[in-house]
Amino acid sequence: MKKKDICIAICYGNVKRGTREELMDFFFRGMLASEGSEHERYSNIYYGLYDGYSHVTDEGEYTNKKI
């Protein structure tokens, strides 16, 4: 069994941990259900995870890019 990468997302100061797929699903649903600044926060996290980063924030700060 392949080990899944655990990612960390920080949104509104709360830390959420999970696999990339779990977090992308969660924040994608958040994007669809929100608008304005909340939508932007969820989008920042979703696209950071999509780009391959493992530590993302709602302010658009990304680290530890996986290649």
PDB file of N, CA and C in Angstrom:
ATOM      1  N   MET A   1       0.842  -1.173   0.000  1.00  0.00           N
ATOM      2  CA  MET A   1       0.000   0.000   0.000  1.00  0.00           C
ATOM      3  C   MET A   1       0.891   1.241   0.000  1.00  0.00           C
ATOM      4  N   LYS A   2       0.568   2.181  -0.857  1.00  0.00           N
ATOM      5  CA  LYS A   2       1.332   3.414  -0.961  1.00  0.00           C
ATOM      6  C   LYS A   2       0.943   4.368   0.170  1.00  0.00           C
ATOM      7  N   LYS A   3       1.953   4.950   0.799  1.00  0.00           N
ATOM      8  CA  LYS A   3       1.705   5.918   1.862  1.00  0.00           C
ATOM      9  C   LYS A   3       1.207   7.223   1.244  1.00  0.00           C
ATOM     10  N   LYS A   4       0.118   7.755   1.779  1.00  0.00           N
ATOM     11  CA  LYS A   4      -0.434   9.004   1.258  1.00  0.00           C
ATOM     12  C   LYS A   4       0.228  10.183   1.951  1.00  0.00           C
ATOM     13  N   ASP A   5       0.453  11.226   1.176  1.00  0.00           N
ATOM     14  CA  ASP A   5       1.022  12.444   1.733  1.00  0.00           C
ATOM     15  C   ASP A   5       0.002  13.146   2.611  1.00  0.00           C
ATOM     16  N   ILE A   6       0.424  13.530   3.798  1.00  0.00           N
ATOM     17  CA  ILE A   6      -0.421  14.306   4.697  1.00  0.00           C
ATOM     18  C   ILE A   6      -0.101  15.777   4.460  1.00  0.00           C
ATOM     19  N   CYS A   7      -1.139  16.551   4.243  1.00  0.00           N
ATOM     20  CA  CYS A   7      -0.994  17.979   4.005  1.00  0.00           C
ATOM     21  C   CYS A   7      -1.605  18.747   5.163  1.00  0.00           C
ATOM     22  N   ILE A   8      -1.216  20.010   5.262  1.00  0.00           N
ATOM     23  CA  ILE A   8      -1.720  20.885   6.314  1.00  0.00           C
ATOM     24  C   ILE A   8      -2.268  22.153   5.664  1.00  0.00           C
ATOM     25  N   ALA A   9      -3.496  22.507   6.047  1.00  0.00           N
ATOM     26  CA  ALA A   9      -4.120  23.738   5.573  1.00  0.00           C
ATOM     27  C   ALA A   9      -4.494  24.577   6.781  1.00  0.00           C
ATOM     28  N   ILE A  10      -4.182  25.865   6.717  1.00  0.00           N
ATOM     29  CA  ILE A  10      -4.535  26.788   7.798  1.00  0.00           C
ATOM     30  C   ILE A  10      -5.534  27.791   7.240  1.00  0.00           C
ATOM     31  N   CYS A  11      -6.736  27.781   7.824  1.00  0.00           N
ATOM     32  CA  CYS A  11      -7.809  28.670   7.372  1.00  0.00           C
ATOM     33  C   CYS A  11      -8.452  29.312   8.596  1.00  0.00           C
ATOM     34  N   TYR A  12      -8.515  30.630   8.597  1.00  0.00           N
ATOM     35  CA  TYR A  12      -9.049  31.374   9.743  1.00  0.00           C
ATOM     36  C   TYR A  12      -8.316  31.014  11.036  1.00  0.00           C
ATOM     37  N   GLY A  13      -7.029  30.678  10.937  1.00  0.00           N
ATOM     38  CA  GLY A  13      -6.225  30.339  12.104  1.00  0.00           C
ATOM     39  C   GLY A  13      -6.388  28.912  12.594  1.00  0.00           C
ATOM     40  N   ASN A  14      -7.278  28.152  11.991  1.00  0.00           N
ATOM     41  CA  ASN A  14      -7.488  26.750  12.374  1.00  0.00           C
ATOM     42  C   ASN A  14      -6.673  25.837  11.472  1.00  0.00           C
ATOM     43  N   VAL A  15      -6.034  24.841  12.064  1.00  0.00           N
ATOM     44  CA  VAL A  15      -5.210  23.900  11.315  1.00  0.00           C
ATOM     45  C   VAL A  15      -6.048  22.677  10.970  1.00  0.00           C
ATOM     46  N   LYS A  16      -6.025  22.309   9.695  1.00  0.00           N
ATOM     47  CA  LYS A  16      -6.729  21.111   9.233  1.00  0.00           C
ATOM     48  C   LYS A  16      -5.708  20.210   8.559  1.00  0.00           C
ATOM     49  N   ARG A  17      -5.638  18.953   8.995  1.00  0.00           N
ATOM     50  CA  ARG A  17      -4.706  17.980   8.420  1.00  0.00           C
ATOM     51  C   ARG A  17      -5.483  16.891   7.698  1.00  0.00           C
ATOM     52  N   GLY A  18      -4.883  16.360   6.633  1.00  0.00           N
ATOM     53  CA  GLY A  18      -5.502  15.265   5.903  1.00  0.00           C
ATOM     54  C   GLY A  18      -4.721  14.968   4.644  1.00  0.00           C
ATOM     55  N   THR A  19      -5.195  14.011   3.883  1.00  0.00           N
ATOM     56  CA  THR A  19      -4.543  13.734   2.607  1.00  0.00           C
ATOM     57  C   THR A  19      -4.865  14.875   1.648  1.00  0.00           C
ATOM     58  N   ARG A  20      -4.075  14.986   0.624  1.00  0.00           N
ATOM     59  CA  ARG A  20      -4.300  16.037  -0.372  1.00  0.00           C
ATOM     60  C   ARG A  20      -5.726  15.925  -0.940  1.00  0.00           C
ATOM     61  N   GLU A  21      -6.151  14.703  -1.246  1.00  0.00           N
ATOM     62  CA  GLU A  21      -7.478  14.504  -1.831  1.00  0.00           C
ATOM     63  C   GLU A  21      -8.591  14.929  -0.870  1.00  0.00           C
ATOM     64  N   GLU A  22      -8.448  14.570   0.410  1.00  0.00           N
ATOM     65  CA  GLU A  22      -9.467  14.944   1.400  1.00  0.00           C
ATOM     66  C   GLU A  22      -9.573  16.463   1.537  1.00  0.00           C
ATOM     67  N   LEU A  23      -8.414  17.128   1.634  1.00  0.00           N
ATOM     68  CA  LEU A  23      -8.426  18.578   1.812  1.00  0.00           C
ATOM     69  C   LEU A  23      -8.922  19.287   0.558  1.00  0.00           C
ATOM     70  N   MET A  24      -8.503  18.807  -0.622  1.00  0.00           N
ATOM     71  CA  MET A  24      -8.971  19.438  -1.857  1.00  0.00           C
ATOM     72  C   MET A  24     -10.489  19.304  -1.984  1.00  0.00           C
ATOM     73  N   ASP A  25     -11.017  18.154  -1.642  1.00  0.00           N
ATOM     74  CA  ASP A  25     -12.466  17.955  -1.694  1.00  0.00           C
ATOM     75  C   ASP A  25     -13.183  18.901  -0.733  1.00  0.00           C
ATOM     76  N   PHE A  26     -12.669  18.999   0.494  1.00  0.00           N
ATOM     77  CA  PHE A  26     -13.278  19.864   1.509  1.00  0.00           C
ATOM     78  C   PHE A  26     -13.281  21.328   1.060  1.00  0.00           C
ATOM     79  N   PHE A  27     -12.128  21.829   0.593  1.00  0.00           N
ATOM     80  CA  PHE A  27     -12.046  23.242   0.243  1.00  0.00           C
ATOM     81  C   PHE A  27     -12.713  23.545  -1.096  1.00  0.00           C
ATOM     82  N   PHE A  28     -12.805  22.561  -1.993  1.00  0.00           N
ATOM     83  CA  PHE A  28     -13.552  22.763  -3.235  1.00  0.00           C
ATOM     84  C   PHE A  28     -15.035  22.950  -2.923  1.00  0.00           C
ATOM     85  N   ARG A  29     -15.565  22.115  -2.026  1.00  0.00           N
ATOM     86  CA  ARG A  29     -16.966  22.266  -1.628  1.00  0.00           C
ATOM     87  C   ARG A  29     -17.190  23.611  -0.939  1.00  0.00           C
ATOM     88  N   GLY A  30     -16.192  24.046  -0.156  1.00  0.00           N
ATOM     89  CA  GLY A  30     -16.274  25.358   0.477  1.00  0.00           C
ATOM     90  C   GLY A  30     -16.305  26.481  -0.549  1.00  0.00           C
ATOM     91  N   MET A  31     -15.512  26.343  -1.615  1.00  0.00           N
ATOM     92  CA  MET A  31     -15.505  27.348  -2.684  1.00  0.00           C
ATOM     93  C   MET A  31     -16.885  27.451  -3.333  1.00  0.00           C
ATOM     94  N   LEU A  32     -17.496  26.292  -3.583  1.00  0.00           N
ATOM     95  CA  LEU A  32     -18.800  26.286  -4.252  1.00  0.00           C
ATOM     96  C   LEU A  32     -19.905  26.871  -3.385  1.00  0.00           C
ATOM     97  N   ALA A  33     -19.754  26.777  -2.070  1.00  0.00           N
ATOM     98  CA  ALA A  33     -20.811  27.206  -1.152  1.00  0.00           C
ATOM     99  C   ALA A  33     -20.589  28.609  -0.597  1.00  0.00           C
ATOM    100  N   SER A  34     -19.583  29.327  -1.087  1.00  0.00           N
ATOM    101  CA  SER A  34     -19.288  30.637  -0.502  1.00  0.00           C
ATOM    102  C   SER A  34     -19.088  31.676  -1.599  1.00  0.00           C
ATOM    103  N   GLU A  35     -18.972  32.919  -1.150  1.00  0.00           N
ATOM    104  CA  GLU A  35     -18.698  34.017  -2.077  1.00  0.00           C
ATOM    105  C   GLU A  35     -17.868  35.068  -1.355  1.00  0.00           C
ATOM    106  N   GLY A  36     -17.349  36.003  -2.106  1.00  0.00           N
ATOM    107  CA  GLY A  36     -16.580  37.096  -1.533  1.00  0.00           C
ATOM    108  C   GLY A  36     -15.267  36.651  -0.927  1.00  0.00           C
ATOM    109  N   SER A  37     -14.914  37.232   0.220  1.00  0.00           N
ATOM    110  CA  SER A  37     -13.618  36.958   0.843  1.00  0.00           C
ATOM    111  C   SER A  37     -13.502  35.510   1.322  1.00  0.00           C
ATOM    112  N   GLU A  38     -14.610  34.919   1.744  1.00  0.00           N
ATOM    113  CA  GLU A  38     -14.572  33.523   2.176  1.00  0.00           C
ATOM    114  C   GLU A  38     -14.240  32.617   0.984  1.00  0.00           C
ATOM    115  N   HIS A  39     -14.833  32.894  -0.165  1.00  0.00           N
ATOM    116  CA  HIS A  39     -14.550  32.130  -1.381  1.00  0.00           C
ATOM    117  C   HIS A  39     -13.066  32.257  -1.750  1.00  0.00           C
ATOM    118  N   GLU A  40     -12.542  33.464  -1.607  1.00  0.00           N
ATOM    119  CA  GLU A  40     -11.130  33.698  -1.921  1.00  0.00           C
ATOM    120  C   GLU A  40     -10.210  32.899  -0.995  1.00  0.00           C
ATOM    121  N   ARG A  41     -10.533  32.832   0.279  1.00  0.00           N
ATOM    122  CA  ARG A  41      -9.734  32.049   1.236  1.00  0.00           C
ATOM    123  C   ARG A  41      -9.720  30.573   0.854  1.00  0.00           C
ATOM    124  N   TYR A  42     -10.900  30.018   0.569  1.00  0.00           N
ATOM    125  CA  TYR A  42     -10.980  28.611   0.184  1.00  0.00           C
ATOM    126  C   TYR A  42     -10.246  28.365  -1.130  1.00  0.00           C
ATOM    127  N   SER A  43     -10.352  29.307  -2.051  1.00  0.00           N
ATOM    128  CA  SER A  43      -9.661  29.177  -3.341  1.00  0.00           C
ATOM    129  C   SER A  43      -8.149  29.167  -3.170  1.00  0.00           C
ATOM    130  N   ASN A  44      -7.629  30.050  -2.321  1.00  0.00           N
ATOM    131  CA  ASN A  44      -6.185  30.086  -2.079  1.00  0.00           C
ATOM    132  C   ASN A  44      -5.680  28.726  -1.613  1.00  0.00           C
ATOM    133  N   ILE A  45      -6.395  28.111  -0.695  1.00  0.00           N
ATOM    134  CA  ILE A  45      -5.984  26.804  -0.181  1.00  0.00           C
ATOM    135  C   ILE A  45      -6.131  25.735  -1.252  1.00  0.00           C
ATOM    136  N   TYR A  46      -7.265  25.709  -1.930  1.00  0.00           N
ATOM    137  CA  TYR A  46      -7.501  24.689  -2.951  1.00  0.00           C
ATOM    138  C   TYR A  46      -6.426  24.727  -4.041  1.00  0.00           C
ATOM    139  N   TYR A  47      -6.137  25.907  -4.570  1.00  0.00           N
ATOM    140  CA  TYR A  47      -5.172  25.996  -5.662  1.00  0.00           C
ATOM    141  C   TYR A  47      -3.744  25.743  -5.196  1.00  0.00           C
ATOM    142  N   GLY A  48      -3.434  26.057  -3.944  1.00  0.00           N
ATOM    143  CA  GLY A  48      -2.122  25.692  -3.406  1.00  0.00           C
ATOM    144  C   GLY A  48      -1.949  24.187  -3.346  1.00  0.00           C
ATOM    145  N   LEU A  49      -2.983  23.483  -2.888  1.00  0.00           N
ATOM    146  CA  LEU A  49      -2.949  22.018  -2.853  1.00  0.00           C
ATOM    147  C   LEU A  49      -2.899  21.452  -4.270  1.00  0.00           C
ATOM    148  N   TYR A  50      -3.657  22.038  -5.182  1.00  0.00           N
ATOM    149  CA  TYR A  50      -3.687  21.605  -6.580  1.00  0.00           C
ATOM    150  C   TYR A  50      -2.295  21.722  -7.222  1.00  0.00           C
ATOM    151  N   ASP A  51      -1.571  22.781  -6.857  1.00  0.00           N
ATOM    152  CA  ASP A  51      -0.230  23.007  -7.408  1.00  0.00           C
ATOM    153  C   ASP A  51       0.833  22.112  -6.785  1.00  0.00           C
ATOM    154  N   GLY A  52       0.464  21.315  -5.770  1.00  0.00           N
ATOM    155  CA  GLY A  52       1.395  20.354  -5.203  1.00  0.00           C
ATOM    156  C   GLY A  52       2.045  20.743  -3.892  1.00  0.00           C
ATOM    157  N   TYR A  53       1.610  21.835  -3.285  1.00  0.00           N
ATOM    158  CA  TYR A  53       2.173  22.239  -2.005  1.00  0.00           C
ATOM    159  C   TYR A  53       1.553  21.433  -0.872  1.00  0.00           C
ATOM    160  N   SER A  54       2.330  21.180   0.173  1.00  0.00           N
ATOM    161  CA  SER A  54       1.818  20.375   1.279  1.00  0.00           C
ATOM    162  C   SER A  54       1.442  21.210   2.505  1.00  0.00           C
ATOM    163  N   HIS A  55       1.877  22.460   2.567  1.00  0.00           N
ATOM    164  CA  HIS A  55       1.495  23.378   3.650  1.00  0.00           C
ATOM    165  C   HIS A  55       0.934  24.634   2.997  1.00  0.00           C
ATOM    166  N   VAL A  56      -0.343  24.894   3.188  1.00  0.00           N
ATOM    167  CA  VAL A  56      -0.988  26.031   2.537  1.00  0.00           C
ATOM    168  C   VAL A  56      -1.788  26.838   3.560  1.00  0.00           C
ATOM    169  N   THR A  57      -1.957  28.124   3.265  1.00  0.00           N
ATOM    170  CA  THR A  57      -2.760  28.983   4.139  1.00  0.00           C
ATOM    171  C   THR A  57      -3.803  29.712   3.310  1.00  0.00           C
ATOM    172  N   ASP A  58      -4.805  30.251   3.994  1.00  0.00           N
ATOM    173  CA  ASP A  58      -5.850  31.002   3.311  1.00  0.00           C
ATOM    174  C   ASP A  58      -5.358  32.362   2.822  1.00  0.00           C
ATOM    175  N   GLU A  59      -4.148  32.743   3.212  1.00  0.00           N
ATOM    176  CA  GLU A  59      -3.570  34.006   2.762  1.00  0.00           C
ATOM    177  C   GLU A  59      -2.691  33.822   1.530  1.00  0.00           C
ATOM    178  N   GLY A  60      -2.655  32.601   0.994  1.00  0.00           N
ATOM    179  CA  GLY A  60      -1.899  32.338  -0.232  1.00  0.00           C
ATOM    180  C   GLY A  60      -0.434  32.037  -0.007  1.00  0.00           C
ATOM    181  N   GLU A  61      -0.056  31.609   1.203  1.00  0.00           N
ATOM    182  CA  GLU A  61       1.329  31.234   1.481  1.00  0.00           C
ATOM    183  C   GLU A  61       1.470  29.735   1.327  1.00  0.00           C
ATOM    184  N   TYR A  62       2.418  29.312   0.470  1.00  0.00           N
ATOM    185  CA  TYR A  62       2.594  27.895   0.183  1.00  0.00           C
ATOM    186  C   TYR A  62       4.049  27.490   0.436  1.00  0.00           C
ATOM    187  N   THR A  63       4.241  26.292   0.988  1.00  0.00           N
ATOM    188  CA  THR A  63       5.602  25.767   1.196  1.00  0.00           C
ATOM    189  C   THR A  63       5.640  24.278   0.911  1.00  0.00           C
ATOM    190  N   ASN A  64       6.862  23.749   0.833  1.00  0.00           N
ATOM    191  CA  ASN A  64       7.108  22.308   0.646  1.00  0.00           C
ATOM    192  C   ASN A  64       6.482  21.759  -0.622  1.00  0.00           C
ATOM    193  N   LYS A  65       6.795  22.351  -1.739  1.00  0.00           N
ATOM    194  CA  LYS A  65       6.246  21.854  -2.994  1.00  0.00           C
ATOM    195  C   LYS A  65       6.820  20.485  -3.319  1.00  0.00           C
ATOM    196  N   LYS A  66       5.953  19.545  -3.629  1.00  0.00           N
ATOM    197  CA  LYS A  66       6.353  18.210  -4.027  1.00  0.00           C
ATOM    198  C   LYS A  66       6.534  18.183  -5.540  1.00  0.00           C
ATOM    199  N   ILE A  67       7.590  17.528  -5.980  1.00  0.00           N
ATOM    200  CA  ILE A  67       7.853  17.463  -7.429  1.00  0.00           C
ATOM    201  C   ILE A  67       7.581  16.064  -7.931  1.00  0.00           C
TER     202      ILE A  67
END
